[in-house]
Protein backbone atom coordinates (compact mmCIF):
# COMPACT_ATOMS: atom_id res chain seq x y z
CA UNK A 1 95.86 102.36 112.58
CA UNK A 2 99.26 100.91 111.67
CA UNK A 3 101.43 102.74 109.16
CA UNK A 4 101.55 101.07 105.75
CA UNK A 5 104.95 100.31 104.24
CA UNK A 6 105.36 99.76 100.51
CA UNK A 7 107.38 96.88 99.07
CA UNK A 8 110.03 99.39 98.08
CA UNK A 9 110.26 100.72 101.63
CA UNK A 10 110.52 97.17 102.94
CA UNK A 11 113.22 96.45 100.39
CA UNK A 12 115.32 99.40 101.50
CA UNK A 13 114.86 98.50 105.17
CA UNK A 14 116.07 94.96 104.46
CA UNK A 15 119.06 96.19 102.46
CA UNK A 16 120.01 98.60 105.25
CA UNK A 17 119.90 95.84 107.89
CA UNK A 18 121.69 93.37 105.65
CA UNK A 19 124.60 95.75 104.94
CA UNK A 20 123.69 95.85 101.25
CA UNK A 21 122.99 99.56 100.87
CA UNK A 22 126.63 100.28 101.56
CA UNK A 23 129.57 98.17 102.64
CA UNK A 24 130.20 98.37 106.35
CA UNK A 25 133.42 98.58 108.32
CA UNK A 26 132.66 96.09 111.08
CA UNK A 27 134.56 93.01 112.27
CA UNK A 28 133.65 89.84 110.39
CA UNK A 29 132.47 87.93 113.46
CA UNK A 30 130.28 90.86 114.51
CA UNK A 31 128.68 90.95 111.06
CA UNK A 32 128.06 87.20 111.06
CA UNK A 33 126.45 87.41 114.48
CA UNK A 34 124.25 90.39 113.57
CA UNK A 35 123.00 88.64 110.44
CA UNK A 36 122.03 85.57 112.44
CA UNK A 37 124.59 83.45 110.63
CA UNK A 38 125.31 83.03 106.94
CA UNK A 39 123.83 80.34 104.74
CA UNK A 40 126.70 77.98 103.97
CA UNK A 41 125.47 75.11 101.82
CA UNK A 42 128.34 75.69 99.41
CA UNK A 43 131.91 76.19 100.61
CA UNK A 44 132.35 79.67 99.17
CA UNK A 45 128.90 81.11 99.96
CA UNK A 46 129.85 82.92 103.20
CA UNK A 47 132.86 84.48 101.48
CA UNK A 48 130.69 85.89 98.69
CA UNK A 49 128.07 87.10 101.18
CA UNK A 50 130.66 89.01 103.20
CA UNK A 51 132.53 90.43 100.20
CA UNK A 52 129.32 92.19 99.16
CA UNK A 53 128.69 93.51 102.68
CA UNK A 54 132.02 94.47 104.26
CA UNK A 55 134.68 96.97 103.24
CA UNK A 56 138.12 95.49 102.66
CA UNK A 57 136.96 91.90 103.11
CA UNK A 58 139.48 89.18 102.18
CA UNK A 59 139.30 85.41 101.85
CA UNK A 60 142.13 85.01 104.33
CA UNK A 61 140.40 87.01 107.06
CA UNK A 62 137.36 84.73 107.11
CA UNK A 63 139.40 81.55 106.80
CA UNK A 64 141.49 82.60 109.80
CA UNK A 65 138.37 82.98 111.97
CA UNK A 66 137.18 79.52 110.93
CA UNK A 67 140.57 77.93 111.58
CA UNK A 68 140.85 79.56 115.01
CA UNK A 69 137.27 78.40 115.82
CA UNK A 70 135.71 81.83 116.30
CA UNK A 71 133.27 80.86 113.54
CA UNK A 72 131.95 77.40 112.73
CA UNK A 73 129.68 75.83 110.12
CA UNK A 74 127.00 73.25 110.97
CA UNK A 75 123.33 72.43 110.42
CA UNK A 76 120.93 74.90 112.05
CA UNK A 77 117.97 76.85 110.60
CA UNK A 78 115.76 75.07 108.07
CA UNK A 79 117.99 72.01 108.39
CA UNK A 80 120.61 73.75 106.27
CA UNK A 81 124.25 74.59 106.83
CA UNK A 82 125.03 77.97 108.35
CA UNK A 83 128.21 79.71 109.45
CA UNK A 84 127.78 81.11 112.96
CA UNK A 85 129.85 82.45 115.78
CA UNK A 86 130.69 79.63 118.17
CA UNK A 87 128.22 80.88 120.79
CA UNK A 88 125.44 81.37 118.25
CA UNK A 89 125.98 77.94 116.76
CA UNK A 90 125.29 76.33 120.12
CA UNK A 91 122.37 78.64 120.87
CA UNK A 92 120.66 78.41 117.48
CA UNK A 93 121.12 74.65 117.34
CA UNK A 94 119.48 74.16 120.73
CA UNK A 95 116.41 76.11 119.59
CA UNK A 96 115.94 74.23 116.32
CA UNK A 97 116.88 70.75 117.57
CA UNK A 98 113.28 69.52 117.76
CA UNK A 99 112.62 70.75 114.23
CA UNK A 100 115.72 68.95 112.94
CA UNK A 101 114.68 65.63 114.43
CA UNK A 102 111.15 66.05 113.12
CA UNK A 103 112.57 66.79 109.69
CA UNK A 104 114.73 63.66 109.84
CA UNK A 105 111.79 61.45 110.85
CA UNK A 106 109.68 62.91 108.07
CA UNK A 107 112.33 62.35 105.42
CA UNK A 108 114.15 59.20 106.53
CA UNK A 109 111.95 57.06 108.79
CA UNK A 110 110.92 54.86 105.88
CA UNK A 111 114.57 54.27 104.98
CA UNK A 112 115.59 53.54 108.58
CA UNK A 113 113.90 50.11 108.60
CA UNK A 114 112.66 50.42 112.17
CA UNK A 115 116.11 50.52 113.77
CA UNK A 116 116.44 51.83 117.31
CA UNK A 117 117.44 55.52 117.12
CA UNK A 118 119.17 55.47 120.49
CA UNK A 119 121.22 52.40 119.60
CA UNK A 120 122.28 53.90 116.28
CA UNK A 121 123.16 57.18 117.96
CA UNK A 122 125.22 55.42 120.62
CA UNK A 123 127.13 53.48 117.95
CA UNK A 124 127.60 56.61 115.89
CA UNK A 125 129.16 58.54 118.75
CA UNK A 126 132.01 56.03 118.82
CA UNK A 127 132.95 57.11 115.29
CA UNK A 128 133.68 60.65 116.40
CA UNK A 129 136.97 60.94 118.20
CA UNK A 130 139.98 63.17 117.75
CA UNK A 131 140.15 62.38 114.04
CA UNK A 132 137.54 64.08 111.80
CA UNK A 133 135.35 61.87 109.61
CA UNK A 134 133.16 62.38 106.55
CA UNK A 135 129.42 61.85 106.62
CA UNK A 136 129.86 59.15 103.99
CA UNK A 137 132.24 57.23 106.24
CA UNK A 138 129.78 57.54 109.12
CA UNK A 139 126.95 56.12 107.03
CA UNK A 140 129.09 53.26 105.74
CA UNK A 141 130.34 52.28 109.21
CA UNK A 142 126.86 52.37 110.73
CA UNK A 143 125.43 50.38 107.83
CA UNK A 144 127.80 47.54 108.71
CA UNK A 145 126.19 47.40 112.16
CA UNK A 146 122.63 48.14 111.02
CA UNK A 147 122.43 46.66 107.51
CA UNK A 148 118.64 46.92 107.25
CA UNK A 149 118.80 50.73 107.19
CA UNK A 150 120.11 52.82 104.32
CA UNK A 151 123.54 54.41 104.94
CA UNK A 152 122.22 57.92 104.23
CA UNK A 153 119.39 57.55 106.75
CA UNK A 154 121.91 56.41 109.39
CA UNK A 155 124.33 59.22 108.61
CA UNK A 156 121.63 61.88 108.63
CA UNK A 157 120.38 60.69 112.00
CA UNK A 158 123.81 61.50 113.40
CA UNK A 159 123.88 64.87 111.65
CA UNK A 160 120.48 65.81 113.07
CA UNK A 161 121.01 64.46 116.59
CA UNK A 162 124.55 65.80 116.96
CA UNK A 163 125.91 69.24 116.11
CA UNK A 164 128.60 68.26 113.63
CA UNK A 165 130.99 71.05 112.66
CA UNK A 166 132.60 71.06 109.23
CA UNK A 167 136.26 71.69 109.97
CA UNK A 168 139.33 72.88 108.02
CA UNK A 169 140.98 72.20 105.70
CA UNK A 170 137.55 71.42 104.21
CA UNK A 171 134.83 74.03 103.75
CA UNK A 172 137.17 76.97 103.46
CA UNK A 173 137.72 79.08 100.35
CA UNK A 174 138.51 77.00 97.30
CA UNK A 175 138.25 73.61 99.01
CA UNK A 176 135.43 71.57 97.52
CA UNK A 177 136.35 68.19 99.00
CA UNK A 178 133.97 66.19 101.19
CA UNK A 179 133.52 67.99 104.53
CA UNK A 180 135.35 66.62 107.55
CA UNK A 181 133.13 66.51 110.63
CA UNK A 182 133.80 66.86 114.35
CA UNK A 183 131.31 67.10 117.21
CA UNK A 184 130.81 70.71 118.24
CA UNK A 185 131.66 69.96 121.86
CA UNK A 186 135.03 68.54 120.78
CA UNK A 187 135.78 71.37 118.34
CA UNK A 188 134.49 74.38 120.26
CA UNK A 189 134.75 73.19 123.84
CA UNK A 190 131.97 73.46 126.43
CA UNK A 191 129.52 76.26 125.56
CA UNK A 192 126.12 76.56 127.23
CA UNK A 193 123.27 77.76 124.98
CA UNK A 194 122.28 81.28 125.98
CA UNK A 195 119.66 82.09 123.33
CA UNK A 196 115.92 82.14 124.07
CA UNK A 197 113.06 82.23 121.57
CA UNK A 198 112.38 85.82 122.62
CA UNK A 199 116.03 86.73 122.03
CA UNK A 200 115.75 85.19 118.59
CA UNK A 201 112.72 87.32 117.72
CA UNK A 202 114.64 90.48 118.58
CA UNK A 203 117.67 89.27 116.62
CA UNK A 204 115.58 88.39 113.57
CA UNK A 205 113.77 91.73 113.50
CA UNK A 206 117.05 93.57 113.89
CA UNK A 207 118.48 91.92 110.78
CA UNK A 208 115.34 91.30 108.69
CA UNK A 209 112.57 93.60 109.92
CA UNK A 210 109.99 94.85 109.38
CA UNK A 211 108.65 91.32 109.06
CA UNK A 212 105.68 89.14 109.88
CA UNK A 213 105.48 86.19 112.24
CA UNK A 214 105.28 83.88 109.22
CA UNK A 215 108.40 85.48 107.75
CA UNK A 216 110.39 84.61 110.84
CA UNK A 217 108.98 81.10 111.00
CA UNK A 218 110.09 80.48 107.42
CA UNK A 219 113.57 81.79 108.28
CA UNK A 220 114.17 79.56 111.30
CA UNK A 221 111.42 76.91 111.06
CA UNK A 222 110.36 77.44 114.67
CA UNK A 223 106.58 77.35 115.08
CA UNK A 224 104.06 78.97 117.42
CA UNK A 225 106.06 82.18 117.68
CA UNK A 226 102.89 84.25 118.14
CA UNK A 227 103.33 84.05 121.91
CA UNK A 228 106.80 85.61 121.77
CA UNK A 229 105.64 88.37 119.41
CA UNK A 230 102.63 89.10 121.60
CA UNK A 231 104.82 89.34 124.69
CA UNK A 232 107.18 91.72 122.90
CA UNK A 233 104.49 93.78 121.15
CA UNK A 234 104.55 96.68 123.66
CA UNK A 235 108.21 97.30 122.79
CA UNK A 236 107.89 96.75 119.03
CA UNK A 237 106.85 99.03 116.18
CA UNK A 238 103.87 97.65 114.24
CA UNK A 239 103.22 98.24 110.54
CA UNK A 240 101.20 96.85 107.66
CA UNK A 241 102.35 95.93 104.17
CA UNK A 242 100.48 96.60 100.93
CA UNK A 243 98.54 93.34 101.40
CA UNK A 244 97.42 94.22 104.92
CA UNK A 245 99.78 91.79 106.68
CA UNK A 246 100.92 92.83 110.15
CA UNK A 247 104.64 93.50 110.34
CA UNK A 248 106.80 93.99 113.41
CA UNK A 249 110.08 95.80 113.89
CA UNK A 250 112.47 97.23 116.43
CA UNK A 251 111.51 100.91 116.84
CA UNK A 252 115.04 102.28 116.44
CA UNK A 253 116.04 100.09 113.50
CA UNK A 254 116.71 101.86 110.17
CA UNK A 255 113.83 102.18 107.71
CA UNK A 256 115.17 104.32 104.85
CA UNK A 257 112.95 106.03 102.33
CA UNK A 258 112.08 103.89 99.33
CA UNK A 259 113.88 106.31 97.01
CA UNK A 260 117.31 105.75 98.58
CA UNK A 261 119.64 104.47 95.82
CA UNK A 262 120.61 100.80 96.07
CA UNK A 263 123.90 99.62 94.54
CA UNK A 264 124.43 96.50 92.45
CA UNK A 265 125.40 93.56 94.63
CA UNK A 266 126.39 89.97 93.82
CA UNK A 267 125.06 87.39 96.28
CA UNK A 268 125.95 83.74 96.88
CA UNK A 269 123.80 80.94 95.54
CA UNK A 270 121.89 80.86 98.83
CA UNK A 271 121.46 83.97 100.97
CA UNK A 272 119.05 84.62 103.81
CA UNK A 273 118.33 88.10 102.47
CA UNK A 274 115.73 86.40 100.26
CA UNK A 275 115.38 82.97 101.89
CA UNK A 276 114.55 84.56 105.25
CA UNK A 277 110.99 85.57 104.36
CA UNK A 278 107.65 83.92 103.70
CA UNK A 279 106.71 86.84 101.41
CA UNK A 280 109.76 87.46 99.21
CA UNK A 281 108.22 90.18 97.05
CA UNK A 282 110.38 92.83 98.70
CA UNK A 283 113.42 91.10 97.16
CA UNK A 284 112.01 89.53 93.99
CA UNK A 285 109.45 90.97 91.60
CA UNK A 286 106.52 88.60 91.03
CA UNK A 287 107.08 88.87 87.27
CA UNK A 288 110.72 87.83 87.71
CA UNK A 289 109.79 85.05 90.14
CA UNK A 290 107.79 83.46 87.33
CA UNK A 291 110.96 83.20 85.23
CA UNK A 292 113.10 81.33 87.73
CA UNK A 293 112.83 78.15 89.76
CA UNK A 294 114.97 77.96 92.88
CA UNK A 295 115.21 74.20 92.50
CA UNK A 296 115.89 74.01 88.75
CA UNK A 297 117.27 76.93 86.75
CA UNK A 298 118.13 79.26 89.62
CA UNK A 299 121.51 80.99 89.47
CA UNK A 300 123.29 83.01 92.15
CA UNK A 301 121.49 86.37 92.16
CA UNK A 302 122.46 89.90 91.26
CA UNK A 303 120.68 92.74 93.04
CA UNK A 304 119.87 95.71 90.79
CA UNK A 305 117.96 98.61 92.34
CA UNK A 306 117.60 96.44 95.42
CA UNK A 307 115.87 93.39 93.96
CA UNK A 308 116.98 90.16 92.30
CA UNK A 309 117.18 91.23 88.66
CA UNK A 310 119.63 88.73 87.19
CA UNK A 311 121.59 85.56 87.76
CA UNK A 312 125.30 85.06 87.20
CA UNK A 313 127.85 82.37 86.45
CA UNK A 314 131.61 82.53 87.05
CA UNK A 315 133.80 80.60 84.63
CA UNK A 316 137.52 80.15 84.14
CA UNK A 317 139.24 78.55 81.20
CA UNK A 318 142.99 78.38 81.51
CA UNK A 319 143.94 81.93 82.52
CA UNK A 320 140.76 83.66 81.35
CA UNK A 321 138.07 84.45 83.92
CA UNK A 322 134.56 85.33 82.74
CA UNK A 323 131.44 86.51 84.54
CA UNK A 324 128.21 85.99 82.59
CA UNK A 325 125.05 87.78 83.78
CA UNK A 326 121.55 86.73 82.66
CA UNK A 327 118.93 89.48 83.24
CA UNK A 328 115.40 88.56 84.32
CA UNK A 329 113.92 91.77 82.90
CA UNK A 330 115.05 94.66 80.71
CA UNK A 331 117.86 96.71 82.21
CA UNK A 332 118.70 100.32 81.48
CA UNK A 333 122.07 101.20 80.00
CA UNK A 334 122.99 102.79 83.32
CA UNK A 335 122.15 99.57 85.18
CA UNK A 336 124.24 97.53 82.74
CA UNK A 337 127.21 99.84 83.36
CA UNK A 338 126.74 99.50 87.12
CA UNK A 339 126.64 95.70 86.84
CA UNK A 340 129.81 95.71 84.74
CA UNK A 341 131.62 97.97 87.22
CA UNK A 342 130.67 95.93 90.29
CA UNK A 343 131.16 92.71 88.37
CA UNK A 344 134.76 93.54 87.54
CA UNK A 345 135.71 93.71 91.22
CA UNK A 346 133.60 90.67 92.04
CA UNK A 347 135.21 88.56 89.33
CA UNK A 348 138.69 89.51 90.52
CA UNK A 349 137.67 88.44 94.03
CA UNK A 350 136.30 85.13 92.77
CA UNK A 351 139.17 84.30 90.42
CA UNK A 352 142.33 85.74 91.89
CA UNK A 353 145.40 85.30 89.71
CA UNK A 354 143.62 85.01 86.38
CA UNK A 355 145.40 86.46 83.36
CA UNK A 356 142.31 88.23 82.01
CA UNK A 357 138.86 89.22 83.22
CA UNK A 358 135.67 89.72 81.23
CA UNK A 359 132.19 90.71 82.42
CA UNK A 360 129.36 90.05 79.99
CA UNK A 361 125.75 91.15 80.50
CA UNK A 362 123.59 89.10 78.17
CA UNK A 363 120.66 90.61 76.28
CA UNK A 364 117.31 90.10 77.97
CA UNK A 365 115.39 87.26 76.36
CA UNK A 366 111.69 88.10 76.73
């Protein structure tokens, strides 16, 4: 009979893998690779994610790796932007390519007006040369050739058929301008994909395990992964959660006791530590989940005792920087002090050069 793991044990295992129990002293590129990439929908998200995970992390260190093309940001898992190592970007993209095209056809076929995909793609490739372009410019130029289709549908076809890297000076710390795009082959040079579906299972479990097959499928949007898990089962550890779901893990991966203390951590708006699961209860209490909507009132999360317990907002008016925290349940005085202490350093990271800094934990509104 498989050993049962509580939600708290699963939480601590996830935090240990995700470098959120304690900051780690590892190279940035190594951390990004281990985590399977960093969600990067917003320019600053990878910076926030790494500040909360790595000792001595600086904005400049990550920007340098992006500028020198060790790391690159493009559309991969779930059809969302991720920052990967160059090799992983090519490998991950190859695995999810069919999903991306299926997603495009599901969302844009009706706005494509029956145009020939191959013809549009061929015309779109001519827009990508040595000079980077924006996705808006791509859509506008293609619309002139294919006026029956909507510009966004045309542009998104190119983004889903081609691996388009968002290049500096856009999409680095503090730059919120429209991303400049270059084809990955032109930006990174020739790289052959080296990642198999089986490799991806091992990678996912290393960074997110113990986890179910459905958890992984939600993370990457690949389907029919049961075959890979079945093939690997003799070398995997098998557990059950409190609901009786089968969970898999790498035998030697850390699974700390559920009583291990978990520090306060500030996360970016999107982070795979909670997006990377079908069952997110290990990271978000069901009672708190009822209070927030990830598509409406969701704020970047604060982890308290390992779970999402609050949302935050960073503001700056003239020289005054302020960090406002909205709790999702009642916090102890000790937890408030821990949030304030971690928040002070976080706010200074977010708003370098401000004249004053203030961290405010709002009262819980039941």
